[in-house]
């Protein structure tokens, strides 16, 4: 357990609001000794990027009250006592007959408040507050199995881009902050989660046809340990992954970092941390700044899905 902080709280200017940060010297990331204050300063440095990534989306907070060496708390509901200027969005969970008022970031102060609440990772939905049941983001999650090297991840990322180019679609890559890569695509919010997931599965199957290194096998125990799994289920309702610019809850404080496509072959996930990203952001700005300029149709992918189903392809995880 981390030692009790001996440093008084500090106040941070986060645009429209000032946020009080308690225990600023508590070590959150033991690899280099970065603190809660270092985490807050990181998010301030990449403010435009993290707000763009989270804007208007229901957001689960992954909290580490004692730093990343301690317990991880998955928090959907904004707790009582939040400031009156904090924004939320209500989402429903019909299976359980429940709802949650989740954080809905619209300003940088919302992000820094979450850091005060010991949030390290931000996991937004792929839909927005205006219609939480219709995603506007399709997520391609390249998830390497234990024996799959990063060279394979790079090759499959390029293959995914080629396939997106054939569809006339723009993909926006980022590191996962772990061993994989994510590619985001803005889509018209015309389909519910089930259809977005169905389209994502059709795309994953096409990648699998084109590369023996790719698998869509759902059950982990049945996958080749050297394969790269394209996790289409990240597009299912209430499934979330770390946003662009989100720090990951690991000792090295790696970041899910937007990339330019021509960086894929050289960049490695460990290159992007809360220590290196502020300088990169100051130099390059937000590489995902144009992500909202175009929204694409899933119609071609849903035609692929219909073809696959006619040919006898079953949903690997019908319970999703």
Protein backbone atom coordinates (compact mmCIF):
# COMPACT_ATOMS: atom_id res chain seq x y z
CA UNK A 1 0.00 0.00 0.00
CA UNK A 2 1.24 3.47 -0.86
CA UNK A 3 2.36 5.72 1.94
CA UNK A 4 0.02 8.51 3.04
CA UNK A 5 0.76 11.72 1.18
CA UNK A 6 2.51 14.40 3.24
CA UNK A 7 2.12 17.18 0.69
CA UNK A 8 -0.82 19.59 0.89
CA UNK A 9 -3.40 19.60 -1.88
CA UNK A 10 -2.71 21.77 -4.91
CA UNK A 11 -5.12 23.66 -7.13
CA UNK A 12 -4.89 23.18 -10.89
CA UNK A 13 -6.25 25.54 -13.52
CA UNK A 14 -8.24 23.36 -15.93
CA UNK A 15 -9.83 25.93 -18.18
CA UNK A 16 -13.26 26.98 -16.94
CA UNK A 17 -12.71 25.49 -13.50
CA UNK A 18 -10.02 25.09 -10.88
CA UNK A 19 -9.67 21.54 -9.58
CA UNK A 20 -8.26 20.70 -6.16
CA UNK A 21 -5.84 17.76 -6.31
CA UNK A 22 -5.23 15.99 -3.03
CA UNK A 23 -2.21 13.75 -2.31
CA UNK A 24 -0.26 15.20 -5.24
CA UNK A 25 2.99 13.44 -4.28
CA UNK A 26 1.49 9.93 -4.07
CA UNK A 27 3.50 7.69 -6.38
CA UNK A 28 1.20 6.20 -8.99
CA UNK A 29 3.77 4.69 -11.39
CA UNK A 30 6.68 2.95 -9.67
CA UNK A 31 8.92 2.38 -12.71
CA UNK A 32 10.03 6.04 -12.75
CA UNK A 33 8.31 7.31 -9.63
CA UNK A 34 5.70 9.51 -11.30
CA UNK A 35 3.03 10.86 -9.01
CA UNK A 36 -0.63 11.77 -9.08
CA UNK A 37 0.40 15.35 -9.87
CA UNK A 38 2.54 14.11 -12.77
CA UNK A 39 -0.53 12.28 -14.09
CA UNK A 40 -2.68 15.40 -13.85
CA UNK A 41 0.00 17.51 -15.56
CA UNK A 42 0.18 14.94 -18.37
CA UNK A 43 -3.55 15.22 -19.03
CA UNK A 44 -3.32 19.01 -18.94
CA UNK A 45 -0.53 18.84 -21.54
CA UNK A 46 -2.59 16.74 -23.97
CA UNK A 47 -5.87 18.40 -23.07
CA UNK A 48 -7.28 18.99 -26.55
CA UNK A 49 -6.53 15.40 -27.52
CA UNK A 50 -8.03 13.65 -24.50
CA UNK A 51 -11.16 15.84 -24.57
CA UNK A 52 -11.66 15.12 -28.27
CA UNK A 53 -11.29 11.39 -27.64
CA UNK A 54 -13.86 11.41 -24.81
CA UNK A 55 -16.22 14.18 -25.84
CA UNK A 56 -19.90 13.47 -25.16
CA UNK A 57 -19.31 9.74 -24.58
CA UNK A 58 -20.36 7.71 -21.54
CA UNK A 59 -17.06 6.94 -19.86
CA UNK A 60 -16.01 4.28 -17.41
CA UNK A 61 -13.24 5.33 -15.05
CA UNK A 62 -10.49 2.86 -14.12
CA UNK A 63 -9.35 4.14 -10.73
CA UNK A 64 -6.21 3.25 -8.76
CA UNK A 65 -6.62 4.89 -5.34
CA UNK A 66 -3.18 3.72 -4.13
CA UNK A 67 -1.39 3.91 -7.48
CA UNK A 68 -1.15 1.22 -10.14
CA UNK A 69 0.53 -1.24 -7.79
CA UNK A 70 -2.66 -1.28 -5.74
CA UNK A 71 -6.27 -2.24 -6.27
CA UNK A 72 -8.00 -1.32 -9.54
CA UNK A 73 -11.58 -0.06 -9.34
CA UNK A 74 -13.87 -0.12 -12.40
CA UNK A 75 -16.28 2.74 -11.79
CA UNK A 76 -19.28 3.40 -14.02
CA UNK A 77 -21.28 5.67 -11.74
CA UNK A 78 -20.22 9.18 -10.85
CA UNK A 79 -20.21 9.28 -7.03
CA UNK A 80 -22.25 11.58 -4.89
CA UNK A 81 -20.58 14.83 -4.02
CA UNK A 82 -19.29 15.52 -7.54
CA UNK A 83 -19.10 19.23 -8.38
CA UNK A 84 -22.25 20.75 -9.90
CA UNK A 85 -20.44 21.54 -13.15
CA UNK A 86 -19.55 17.90 -13.82
CA UNK A 87 -21.53 16.43 -16.71
CA UNK A 88 -22.97 12.91 -16.87
CA UNK A 89 -25.01 10.74 -19.22
CA UNK A 90 -27.46 8.08 -18.12
CA UNK A 91 -27.04 4.64 -19.66
CA UNK A 92 -29.26 1.65 -19.08
CA UNK A 93 -28.43 -2.03 -18.58
CA UNK A 94 -31.66 -3.88 -19.46
CA UNK A 95 -30.24 -7.29 -18.60
CA UNK A 96 -29.87 -6.22 -14.98
CA UNK A 97 -32.69 -3.68 -14.80
CA UNK A 98 -30.24 -0.97 -13.78
CA UNK A 99 -28.90 2.33 -14.98
CA UNK A 100 -25.78 4.40 -14.33
CA UNK A 101 -25.00 8.08 -14.60
CA UNK A 102 -21.56 7.91 -16.17
CA UNK A 103 -18.98 10.63 -16.61
CA UNK A 104 -19.52 12.57 -19.84
CA UNK A 105 -16.45 14.66 -20.66
CA UNK A 106 -16.98 17.95 -22.46
CA UNK A 107 -14.18 20.02 -20.93
CA UNK A 108 -10.69 19.42 -19.60
CA UNK A 109 -11.84 20.13 -16.05
CA UNK A 110 -13.91 16.92 -16.19
CA UNK A 111 -10.75 14.95 -16.94
CA UNK A 112 -8.77 16.54 -14.12
CA UNK A 113 -11.66 15.96 -11.69
CA UNK A 114 -11.49 12.28 -12.65
CA UNK A 115 -7.74 12.27 -11.92
CA UNK A 116 -8.50 13.76 -8.50
CA UNK A 117 -10.78 10.74 -8.06
CA UNK A 118 -7.69 8.55 -8.78
CA UNK A 119 -8.66 7.76 -12.38
CA UNK A 120 -5.73 6.63 -14.52
CA UNK A 121 -7.53 5.07 -17.50
CA UNK A 122 -10.51 6.45 -19.43
CA UNK A 123 -12.70 3.88 -21.19
CA UNK A 124 -15.42 5.58 -23.27
CA UNK A 125 -18.33 4.01 -25.11
CA UNK A 126 -18.26 4.18 -28.91
CA UNK A 127 -21.54 6.11 -28.88
CA UNK A 128 -22.34 9.62 -27.72
CA UNK A 129 -24.78 11.23 -25.33
CA UNK A 130 -27.17 12.31 -28.11
CA UNK A 131 -28.00 8.64 -28.83
CA UNK A 132 -26.17 6.15 -26.67
CA UNK A 133 -27.69 3.19 -28.57
CA UNK A 134 -26.23 4.13 -31.97
CA UNK A 135 -22.42 4.14 -32.14
CA UNK A 136 -20.55 6.65 -34.26
CA UNK A 137 -17.22 4.81 -33.89
CA UNK A 138 -16.12 1.43 -35.21
CA UNK A 139 -13.11 0.03 -33.37
CA UNK A 140 -10.63 -2.40 -34.91
CA UNK A 141 -8.71 -3.97 -32.02
CA UNK A 142 -5.55 -5.84 -33.05
CA UNK A 143 -4.92 -7.99 -29.99
CA UNK A 144 -1.81 -10.20 -30.13
CA UNK A 145 -1.80 -13.59 -28.46
CA UNK A 146 1.10 -14.32 -26.05
CA UNK A 147 3.51 -15.65 -28.71
CA UNK A 148 2.57 -13.08 -31.34
CA UNK A 149 5.33 -10.54 -31.92
CA UNK A 150 4.84 -6.85 -32.59
CA UNK A 151 6.09 -7.29 -36.15
CA UNK A 152 2.92 -9.28 -36.81
CA UNK A 153 0.81 -6.50 -35.31
CA UNK A 154 2.46 -4.05 -37.70
CA UNK A 155 1.88 -6.27 -40.75
CA UNK A 156 -1.77 -6.77 -39.92
CA UNK A 157 -2.22 -3.04 -39.30
CA UNK A 158 -0.97 -2.34 -42.83
CA UNK A 159 -3.25 -5.04 -44.20
CA UNK A 160 -6.18 -3.47 -42.36
CA UNK A 161 -5.34 -0.12 -43.90
CA UNK A 162 -5.26 -1.66 -47.38
CA UNK A 163 -8.69 -3.14 -46.78
CA UNK A 164 -10.02 0.15 -45.44
CA UNK A 165 -8.64 1.90 -48.54
CA UNK A 166 -10.55 -0.56 -50.72
CA UNK A 167 -13.69 0.41 -48.85
CA UNK A 168 -12.94 4.12 -49.21
CA UNK A 169 -12.71 4.47 -45.44
CA UNK A 170 -10.23 6.45 -43.32
CA UNK A 171 -8.78 4.69 -40.30
CA UNK A 172 -7.07 6.41 -37.39
CA UNK A 173 -4.43 4.23 -35.69
CA UNK A 174 -3.15 4.37 -32.14
CA UNK A 175 -1.17 2.17 -29.84
CA UNK A 176 -3.20 0.32 -27.23
CA UNK A 177 -0.70 1.23 -24.54
CA UNK A 178 -0.03 -2.49 -24.27
CA UNK A 179 1.09 -4.92 -26.97
CA UNK A 180 -1.51 -4.16 -29.62
CA UNK A 181 -2.84 -1.50 -31.94
CA UNK A 182 -6.27 0.03 -32.36
CA UNK A 183 -7.72 1.58 -35.51
CA UNK A 184 -10.78 3.82 -35.15
CA UNK A 185 -13.24 4.69 -37.90
CA UNK A 186 -15.96 7.32 -37.64
CA UNK A 187 -19.28 5.95 -38.86
CA UNK A 188 -22.70 7.44 -39.40
CA UNK A 189 -24.78 6.76 -36.25
CA UNK A 190 -27.36 4.82 -38.26
CA UNK A 191 -26.92 1.37 -36.72
CA UNK A 192 -27.32 -0.11 -33.26
CA UNK A 193 -24.55 -1.99 -31.48
CA UNK A 194 -25.47 -5.42 -32.83
CA UNK A 195 -25.11 -4.30 -36.43
CA UNK A 196 -21.84 -2.45 -35.76
CA UNK A 197 -20.44 -5.58 -34.14
CA UNK A 198 -21.71 -7.68 -37.08
CA UNK A 199 -19.93 -5.35 -39.52
CA UNK A 200 -16.74 -5.49 -37.42
CA UNK A 201 -16.85 -9.30 -37.51
CA UNK A 202 -17.21 -9.26 -41.30
CA UNK A 203 -14.13 -7.03 -41.57
CA UNK A 204 -12.18 -9.27 -39.19
CA UNK A 205 -13.09 -12.35 -41.24
CA UNK A 206 -11.87 -10.67 -44.40
CA UNK A 207 -8.54 -9.94 -42.70
CA UNK A 208 -8.42 -13.59 -41.65
CA UNK A 209 -8.94 -14.69 -45.26
CA UNK A 210 -6.04 -12.53 -46.38
CA UNK A 211 -3.55 -13.40 -43.64
CA UNK A 212 -2.72 -16.69 -41.96
CA UNK A 213 -1.48 -14.62 -38.99
CA UNK A 214 -5.00 -13.42 -38.16
CA UNK A 215 -7.65 -15.27 -36.17
CA UNK A 216 -11.29 -14.57 -35.35
CA UNK A 217 -11.60 -17.65 -33.12
CA UNK A 218 -13.58 -16.47 -30.11
CA UNK A 219 -12.51 -18.84 -27.34
CA UNK A 220 -9.00 -17.99 -26.21
CA UNK A 221 -8.13 -21.63 -25.46
CA UNK A 222 -8.79 -22.50 -29.12
CA UNK A 223 -6.58 -19.80 -30.65
CA UNK A 224 -3.10 -20.30 -32.04
CA UNK A 225 -0.86 -18.65 -29.40
CA UNK A 226 1.20 -17.02 -32.16
CA UNK A 227 -1.82 -15.49 -33.91
CA UNK A 228 -3.24 -11.97 -33.83
CA UNK A 229 -6.85 -11.84 -32.69
CA UNK A 230 -9.03 -9.14 -34.25
CA UNK A 231 -11.38 -8.44 -31.36
CA UNK A 232 -14.62 -7.46 -33.08
CA UNK A 233 -16.48 -7.85 -29.76
CA UNK A 234 -15.07 -4.52 -28.64
CA UNK A 235 -17.94 -3.09 -30.68
CA UNK A 236 -20.60 -4.81 -28.59
CA UNK A 237 -22.78 -2.73 -26.28
CA UNK A 238 -21.10 -1.65 -23.04
CA UNK A 239 -17.67 -2.89 -24.16
CA UNK A 240 -14.98 -0.28 -23.82
CA UNK A 241 -11.26 0.11 -24.45
CA UNK A 242 -8.81 2.81 -23.41
CA UNK A 243 -9.25 6.02 -25.37
CA UNK A 244 -6.63 7.85 -27.36
CA UNK A 245 -4.32 9.64 -24.89
CA UNK A 246 -5.48 7.48 -21.98
CA UNK A 247 -2.68 6.44 -19.67
CA UNK A 248 -2.61 2.72 -18.89
CA UNK A 249 -2.49 1.31 -15.39
CA UNK A 250 1.02 -0.12 -15.62
CA UNK A 251 4.20 0.85 -13.75
CA UNK A 252 5.76 2.42 -16.88
CA UNK A 253 2.77 4.77 -17.42
CA UNK A 254 2.43 3.93 -21.10
CA UNK A 255 -0.14 5.84 -23.12
CA UNK A 256 -2.55 4.84 -25.87
CA UNK A 257 -0.94 7.11 -28.42
CA UNK A 258 -2.30 8.27 -31.79
CA UNK A 259 0.06 7.47 -34.65
CA UNK A 260 0.55 8.56 -38.23
CA UNK A 261 0.37 5.59 -40.59
CA UNK A 262 3.99 6.12 -41.66
CA UNK A 263 5.08 5.67 -38.02
CA UNK A 264 3.74 2.15 -37.69
CA UNK A 265 6.95 0.39 -38.75
CA UNK A 266 9.20 2.28 -36.35
CA UNK A 267 7.10 3.20 -33.33
CA UNK A 268 6.87 0.82 -30.38
CA UNK A 269 4.27 0.98 -27.60
CA UNK A 270 6.93 1.55 -24.93
CA UNK A 271 7.97 4.80 -26.69
CA UNK A 272 4.82 6.57 -25.51
CA UNK A 273 4.54 7.41 -21.81
CA UNK A 274 3.44 10.32 -19.66
CA UNK A 275 7.09 11.39 -19.75
CA UNK A 276 7.40 11.49 -23.56
CA UNK A 277 3.90 12.36 -24.77
CA UNK A 278 3.71 16.02 -23.68
CA UNK A 279 6.71 16.92 -25.85
CA UNK A 280 5.34 14.89 -28.75
CA UNK A 281 1.95 16.58 -28.43
CA UNK A 282 3.52 20.04 -28.27
CA UNK A 283 5.43 19.27 -31.48
CA UNK A 284 2.83 17.36 -33.51
CA UNK A 285 -0.50 18.34 -31.99
CA UNK A 286 -3.35 15.86 -31.97
CA UNK A 287 -2.84 13.35 -34.78
CA UNK A 288 -6.53 12.45 -34.46
CA UNK A 289 -7.66 16.07 -34.86
CA UNK A 290 -9.44 15.31 -38.14
CA UNK A 291 -11.24 12.17 -36.98
CA UNK A 292 -14.66 13.82 -36.85
CA UNK A 293 -14.51 15.34 -40.33
CA UNK A 294 -15.95 12.33 -42.18
CA UNK A 295 -18.37 9.58 -41.18
CA UNK A 296 -18.57 6.39 -43.23
CA UNK A 297 -21.29 3.89 -44.03
CA UNK A 298 -21.28 0.32 -42.75
CA UNK A 299 -23.46 -0.83 -45.64
CA UNK A 300 -20.63 -2.56 -47.58
CA UNK A 301 -19.51 -4.46 -44.46
CA UNK A 302 -23.06 -5.51 -43.67
CA UNK A 303 -23.29 -6.90 -47.21
CA UNK A 304 -20.14 -8.93 -46.45
CA UNK A 305 -21.80 -10.13 -43.25
CA UNK A 306 -24.88 -11.27 -45.20
CA UNK A 307 -22.62 -13.12 -47.66
CA UNK A 308 -20.76 -14.86 -44.85
CA UNK A 309 -24.01 -15.88 -43.18
CA UNK A 310 -25.42 -17.25 -46.45
CA UNK A 311 -22.27 -19.33 -46.76
CA UNK A 312 -22.85 -20.81 -43.32
CA UNK A 313 -20.63 -18.66 -41.09
CA UNK A 314 -21.97 -18.68 -37.55
CA UNK A 315 -21.48 -15.98 -34.91
CA UNK A 316 -18.51 -17.19 -32.82
CA UNK A 317 -20.07 -15.66 -29.72
CA UNK A 318 -23.86 -15.68 -30.13
CA UNK A 319 -24.33 -14.62 -26.55
CA UNK A 320 -22.72 -11.21 -27.15
